[in-house]
Amino acid sequence: MRITVKGKNIAVTPALRQYVEKKLSKLERYFDNIDEAITTLSVEKERHIVEVTVPLNGGMLLRGEEETNDMYASIDLVVEKLERQIEKYKTKIARKMKDGKLLDLAPSQEKSAGEEEPRLVRTKRFAVKPMTVEEAILQMNLLGHDFFVFSNAESEEVNVVYRRRDGNYGLIEPVFD
């Protein structure tokens, strides 16, 4: 597995890189062929943030983000989070992954005066893979997001699944007049 470690507002030392590689290599015991893991280490004030993205075969993504006051603790927590995601969704992932094999597992505020108007701070681009609603819900949960945009394999239109406050899921389907 190729592990890419990037730093944002932090120099990635050899010891830090080695620690990340050691911890992320644990994920190889769950999957036959993980090609890469992309890790971003960043420091913002007192917060040490670790974000890990692992693309899996079949278009699935594992993603985890953690922050603490210690970079090593953040790394430990994000690996634990990824392992919990794998454990929680292992049967669904195994069914959805066609090429790879899953190995047996041992997981509104009011604006005050003087406050800036909200602005667009990030744009993401991603390939839209046709999938079923169930696959989209699985992918949303693996990413830890509250919504997920996908191409519905049945209707061939762009849809959005989202997590409702009551714990259930919702589906947004466009209607063009």
C-alpha atoms as a PDB file:
ATOM      1  CA  MET A   1       0.000   0.000   0.000  1.00  0.00           C
ATOM      2  CA  ARG A   2       1.276   3.433  -0.946  1.00  0.00           C
ATOM      3  CA  ILE A   3       0.775   5.910   1.882  1.00  0.00           C
ATOM      4  CA  THR A   4       0.899   9.599   1.001  1.00  0.00           C
ATOM      5  CA  VAL A   5       1.467  11.921   3.945  1.00  0.00           C
ATOM      6  CA  LYS A   6       0.987  15.657   3.406  1.00  0.00           C
ATOM      7  CA  GLY A   7       1.437  18.416   5.932  1.00  0.00           C
ATOM      8  CA  LYS A   8      -0.467  21.676   6.203  1.00  0.00           C
ATOM      9  CA  ASN A   9       1.118  24.205   8.548  1.00  0.00           C
ATOM     10  CA  ILE A  10       3.357  21.402   9.816  1.00  0.00           C
ATOM     11  CA  ALA A  11       6.604  19.822   8.658  1.00  0.00           C
ATOM     12  CA  VAL A  12       6.160  16.084   8.256  1.00  0.00           C
ATOM     13  CA  THR A  13       9.147  14.607  10.086  1.00  0.00           C
ATOM     14  CA  PRO A  14      10.457  11.122   9.291  1.00  0.00           C
ATOM     15  CA  ALA A  15       9.263   9.939  12.728  1.00  0.00           C
ATOM     16  CA  LEU A  16       5.755  11.280  12.083  1.00  0.00           C
ATOM     17  CA  ARG A  17       5.673   9.734   8.593  1.00  0.00           C
ATOM     18  CA  GLN A  18       6.850   6.385   9.993  1.00  0.00           C
ATOM     19  CA  TYR A  19       4.177   6.480  12.723  1.00  0.00           C
ATOM     20  CA  VAL A  20       1.419   7.168  10.166  1.00  0.00           C
ATOM     21  CA  GLU A  21       2.668   4.351   7.916  1.00  0.00           C
ATOM     22  CA  LYS A  22       2.838   1.913  10.835  1.00  0.00           C
ATOM     23  CA  LYS A  23      -0.695   2.721  12.015  1.00  0.00           C
ATOM     24  CA  LEU A  24      -2.306   2.745   8.543  1.00  0.00           C
ATOM     25  CA  SER A  25      -0.652  -0.535   7.577  1.00  0.00           C
ATOM     26  CA  LYS A  26      -3.089  -2.122  10.075  1.00  0.00           C
ATOM     27  CA  LEU A  27      -5.853  -1.543   7.512  1.00  0.00           C
ATOM     28  CA  GLU A  28      -4.202  -4.000   5.112  1.00  0.00           C
ATOM     29  CA  ARG A  29      -5.367  -6.891   7.266  1.00  0.00           C
ATOM     30  CA  TYR A  30      -8.983  -6.042   6.361  1.00  0.00           C
ATOM     31  CA  PHE A  31      -8.543  -5.830   2.580  1.00  0.00           C
ATOM     32  CA  ASP A  32      -6.537  -7.831   0.037  1.00  0.00           C
ATOM     33  CA  ASN A  33      -5.500  -4.932  -2.117  1.00  0.00           C
ATOM     34  CA  ILE A  34      -5.584  -1.386  -0.823  1.00  0.00           C
ATOM     35  CA  ASP A  35      -3.607   0.614  -3.351  1.00  0.00           C
ATOM     36  CA  GLU A  36      -3.172   3.843  -1.443  1.00  0.00           C
ATOM     37  CA  ALA A  37      -4.052   5.888   1.606  1.00  0.00           C
ATOM     38  CA  ILE A  38      -3.904   9.675   1.529  1.00  0.00           C
ATOM     39  CA  THR A  39      -3.186  11.336   4.855  1.00  0.00           C
ATOM     40  CA  THR A  40      -3.228  15.054   5.558  1.00  0.00           C
ATOM     41  CA  LEU A  41      -1.781  16.331   8.814  1.00  0.00           C
ATOM     42  CA  SER A  42      -2.597  19.913   9.714  1.00  0.00           C
ATOM     43  CA  VAL A  43      -2.199  22.251  12.635  1.00  0.00           C
ATOM     44  CA  GLU A  44      -4.588  25.125  13.313  1.00  0.00           C
ATOM     45  CA  LYS A  45      -3.841  27.008  16.509  1.00  0.00           C
ATOM     46  CA  GLU A  46      -3.767  24.288  19.201  1.00  0.00           C
ATOM     47  CA  ARG A  47      -5.637  21.707  17.097  1.00  0.00           C
ATOM     48  CA  HIS A  48      -3.780  18.814  15.460  1.00  0.00           C
ATOM     49  CA  ILE A  49      -6.000  17.454  12.693  1.00  0.00           C
ATOM     50  CA  VAL A  50      -5.511  14.181  10.802  1.00  0.00           C
ATOM     51  CA  GLU A  51      -7.602  13.346   7.740  1.00  0.00           C
ATOM     52  CA  VAL A  52      -7.273   9.952   6.021  1.00  0.00           C
ATOM     53  CA  THR A  53      -8.917   8.904   2.751  1.00  0.00           C
ATOM     54  CA  VAL A  54      -8.621   5.341   1.475  1.00  0.00           C
ATOM     55  CA  PRO A  55     -10.072   4.639  -1.997  1.00  0.00           C
ATOM     56  CA  LEU A  56     -11.276   1.041  -2.246  1.00  0.00           C
ATOM     57  CA  ASN A  57     -11.951  -1.012  -5.349  1.00  0.00           C
ATOM     58  CA  GLY A  58     -15.483  -0.679  -6.624  1.00  0.00           C
ATOM     59  CA  GLY A  59     -15.568   3.104  -6.151  1.00  0.00           C
ATOM     60  CA  MET A  60     -15.946   3.017  -2.366  1.00  0.00           C
ATOM     61  CA  LEU A  61     -14.129   5.417  -0.057  1.00  0.00           C
ATOM     62  CA  LEU A  62     -13.152   5.117   3.586  1.00  0.00           C
ATOM     63  CA  ARG A  63     -12.631   8.477   5.221  1.00  0.00           C
ATOM     64  CA  GLY A  64     -11.870   9.571   8.741  1.00  0.00           C
ATOM     65  CA  GLU A  65     -10.926  12.836  10.408  1.00  0.00           C
ATOM     66  CA  GLU A  66      -9.916  13.450  14.009  1.00  0.00           C
ATOM     67  CA  GLU A  67      -8.476  16.332  15.973  1.00  0.00           C
ATOM     68  CA  THR A  68      -6.838  16.583  19.383  1.00  0.00           C
ATOM     69  CA  ASN A  69      -4.081  18.625  20.995  1.00  0.00           C
ATOM     70  CA  ASP A  70      -1.508  15.937  20.069  1.00  0.00           C
ATOM     71  CA  MET A  71      -0.749  14.780  16.520  1.00  0.00           C
ATOM     72  CA  TYR A  72       0.067  11.209  17.556  1.00  0.00           C
ATOM     73  CA  ALA A  73      -3.214  10.919  19.481  1.00  0.00           C
ATOM     74  CA  SER A  74      -5.098  12.234  16.429  1.00  0.00           C
ATOM     75  CA  ILE A  75      -3.448   9.575  14.258  1.00  0.00           C
ATOM     76  CA  ASP A  76      -4.425   6.835  16.729  1.00  0.00           C
ATOM     77  CA  LEU A  77      -8.023   8.062  16.878  1.00  0.00           C
ATOM     78  CA  VAL A  78      -8.461   8.300  13.106  1.00  0.00           C
ATOM     79  CA  VAL A  79      -7.173   4.737  12.606  1.00  0.00           C
ATOM     80  CA  GLU A  80      -9.556   3.506  15.308  1.00  0.00           C
ATOM     81  CA  LYS A  81     -12.404   5.358  13.581  1.00  0.00           C
ATOM     82  CA  LEU A  82     -11.578   3.732  10.228  1.00  0.00           C
ATOM     83  CA  GLU A  83     -11.449   0.293  11.855  1.00  0.00           C
ATOM     84  CA  ARG A  84     -14.858   0.899  13.474  1.00  0.00           C
ATOM     85  CA  GLN A  85     -16.276   1.925  10.087  1.00  0.00           C
ATOM     86  CA  ILE A  86     -14.923  -1.254   8.508  1.00  0.00           C
ATOM     87  CA  GLU A  87     -16.344  -3.383  11.336  1.00  0.00           C
ATOM     88  CA  LYS A  88     -19.725  -1.683  11.180  1.00  0.00           C
ATOM     89  CA  TYR A  89     -20.097  -1.987   7.428  1.00  0.00           C
ATOM     90  CA  LYS A  90     -18.025  -5.099   6.698  1.00  0.00           C
ATOM     91  CA  THR A  91     -20.863  -7.199   5.302  1.00  0.00           C
ATOM     92  CA  LYS A  92     -22.205  -4.387   3.138  1.00  0.00           C
ATOM     93  CA  ILE A  93     -18.718  -3.526   1.895  1.00  0.00           C
ATOM     94  CA  ALA A  94     -18.008  -7.180   1.094  1.00  0.00           C
ATOM     95  CA  ARG A  95     -21.182  -7.396  -0.991  1.00  0.00           C
ATOM     96  CA  LYS A  96     -20.496  -4.164  -2.858  1.00  0.00           C
ATOM     97  CA  MET A  97     -16.810  -4.726  -3.590  1.00  0.00           C
ATOM     98  CA  LYS A  98     -16.649  -6.711  -6.795  1.00  0.00           C
ATOM     99  CA  ASP A  99     -12.891  -6.840  -7.458  1.00  0.00           C
ATOM    100  CA  GLY A 100     -11.391  -6.648  -3.972  1.00  0.00           C
ATOM    101  CA  LYS A 101     -11.970  -9.126  -1.207  1.00  0.00           C
ATOM    102  CA  LEU A 102     -12.757  -8.229   2.356  1.00  0.00           C
ATOM    103  CA  LEU A 103     -10.689 -10.371   4.700  1.00  0.00           C
ATOM    104  CA  ASP A 104     -12.167 -11.842   7.865  1.00  0.00           C
ATOM    105  CA  LEU A 105     -12.110  -9.311  10.678  1.00  0.00           C
ATOM    106  CA  ALA A 106     -10.624 -10.011  14.138  1.00  0.00           C
ATOM    107  CA  PRO A 107     -15.356  -2.246  12.192  1.00  0.00           C
ATOM    108  CA  SER A 108     -29.051  27.851  12.880  1.00  0.00           C
ATOM    109  CA  GLN A 109     -27.369  30.650  14.436  1.00  0.00           C
ATOM    110  CA  GLU A 110     -28.282  34.332  14.242  1.00  0.00           C
ATOM    111  CA  LYS A 111     -25.703  36.718  12.823  1.00  0.00           C
ATOM    112  CA  SER A 112     -24.395  39.255  15.295  1.00  0.00           C
ATOM    113  CA  ALA A 113     -23.396  42.791  14.353  1.00  0.00           C
ATOM    114  CA  GLY A 114     -20.002  43.006  12.683  1.00  0.00           C
ATOM    115  CA  GLU A 115     -19.948  39.323  11.743  1.00  0.00           C
ATOM    116  CA  GLU A 116     -18.971  38.466   8.182  1.00  0.00           C
ATOM    117  CA  GLU A 117     -21.444  37.176   5.655  1.00  0.00           C
ATOM    118  CA  PRO A 118     -20.903  33.410   5.012  1.00  0.00           C
ATOM    119  CA  ARG A 119     -18.862  32.744   1.880  1.00  0.00           C
ATOM    120  CA  LEU A 120     -17.874  29.793  -0.268  1.00  0.00           C
ATOM    121  CA  VAL A 121     -14.563  28.506   1.093  1.00  0.00           C
ATOM    122  CA  ARG A 122     -14.183  25.131  -0.613  1.00  0.00           C
ATOM    123  CA  THR A 123     -15.123  23.488  -3.890  1.00  0.00           C
ATOM    124  CA  LYS A 124     -14.942  19.740  -4.344  1.00  0.00           C
ATOM    125  CA  ARG A 125     -15.026  17.838  -7.600  1.00  0.00           C
ATOM    126  CA  PHE A 126     -15.558  14.106  -7.748  1.00  0.00           C
ATOM    127  CA  ALA A 127     -16.472  11.415 -10.225  1.00  0.00           C
ATOM    128  CA  VAL A 128     -20.135  10.519 -10.050  1.00  0.00           C
ATOM    129  CA  LYS A 129     -20.479   6.740 -10.201  1.00  0.00           C
ATOM    130  CA  PRO A 130     -23.880   5.229 -10.918  1.00  0.00           C
ATOM    131  CA  MET A 131     -25.081   3.394  -7.804  1.00  0.00           C
ATOM    132  CA  THR A 132     -28.214   2.317  -6.021  1.00  0.00           C
ATOM    133  CA  VAL A 133     -29.723   4.302  -3.168  1.00  0.00           C
ATOM    134  CA  GLU A 134     -28.485   1.648  -0.705  1.00  0.00           C
ATOM    135  CA  GLU A 135     -24.913   1.966  -2.023  1.00  0.00           C
ATOM    136  CA  ALA A 136     -25.129   5.766  -1.718  1.00  0.00           C
ATOM    137  CA  ILE A 137     -26.277   5.483   1.908  1.00  0.00           C
ATOM    138  CA  LEU A 138     -23.395   3.111   2.637  1.00  0.00           C
ATOM    139  CA  GLN A 139     -20.909   5.490   0.982  1.00  0.00           C
ATOM    140  CA  MET A 140     -22.326   8.478   2.909  1.00  0.00           C
ATOM    141  CA  ASN A 141     -21.915   6.597   6.192  1.00  0.00           C
ATOM    142  CA  LEU A 142     -18.381   5.475   5.309  1.00  0.00           C
ATOM    143  CA  LEU A 143     -17.423   9.079   4.623  1.00  0.00           C
ATOM    144  CA  GLY A 144     -19.084  10.258   7.829  1.00  0.00           C
ATOM    145  CA  HIS A 145     -21.149  12.856   5.965  1.00  0.00           C
ATOM    146  CA  ASP A 146     -24.757  13.904   6.491  1.00  0.00           C
ATOM    147  CA  PHE A 147     -25.521  13.848   2.761  1.00  0.00           C
ATOM    148  CA  PHE A 148     -24.183  12.281  -0.434  1.00  0.00           C
ATOM    149  CA  VAL A 149     -24.627  13.270  -4.097  1.00  0.00           C
ATOM    150  CA  PHE A 150     -24.713  10.370  -6.560  1.00  0.00           C
ATOM    151  CA  SER A 151     -25.963   9.227  -9.937  1.00  0.00           C
ATOM    152  CA  ASN A 152     -28.969   6.962  -9.372  1.00  0.00           C
ATOM    153  CA  ALA A 153     -28.403   3.752 -11.371  1.00  0.00           C
ATOM    154  CA  GLU A 154     -32.171   3.206 -11.708  1.00  0.00           C
ATOM    155  CA  SER A 155     -33.286   6.663 -12.848  1.00  0.00           C
ATOM    156  CA  GLU A 156     -29.917   7.774 -14.350  1.00  0.00           C
ATOM    157  CA  GLU A 157     -30.331  11.170 -12.673  1.00  0.00           C
ATOM    158  CA  VAL A 158     -28.354  12.968  -9.996  1.00  0.00           C
ATOM    159  CA  ASN A 159     -29.881  12.365  -6.544  1.00  0.00           C
ATOM    160  CA  VAL A 160     -28.985  13.256  -2.970  1.00  0.00           C
ATOM    161  CA  VAL A 161     -29.380  11.014   0.076  1.00  0.00           C
ATOM    162  CA  TYR A 162     -29.266  12.612   3.505  1.00  0.00           C
ATOM    163  CA  ARG A 163     -29.496  11.686   7.162  1.00  0.00           C
ATOM    164  CA  ARG A 164     -32.622  12.985   8.871  1.00  0.00           C
ATOM    165  CA  ARG A 165     -32.732  14.219  12.464  1.00  0.00           C
ATOM    166  CA  ASP A 166     -34.807  11.183  13.436  1.00  0.00           C
ATOM    167  CA  GLY A 167     -31.942   8.881  12.329  1.00  0.00           C
ATOM    168  CA  ASN A 168     -33.617   7.727   9.113  1.00  0.00           C
ATOM    169  CA  TYR A 169     -32.583   8.682   5.585  1.00  0.00           C
ATOM    170  CA  GLY A 170     -34.100  10.923   2.953  1.00  0.00           C
ATOM    171  CA  LEU A 171     -33.748  10.946  -0.846  1.00  0.00           C
ATOM    172  CA  ILE A 172     -33.923  14.062  -3.008  1.00  0.00           C
ATOM    173  CA  GLU A 173     -34.854  13.426  -6.639  1.00  0.00           C
ATOM    174  CA  PRO A 174     -34.938  16.320  -9.131  1.00  0.00           C
ATOM    175  CA  VAL A 175     -38.095  17.064 -11.084  1.00  0.00           C
ATOM    176  CA  PHE A 176     -37.635  19.101 -14.234  1.00  0.00           C
ATOM    177  CA  ASP A 177     -40.633  21.053 -15.532  1.00  0.00           C
END
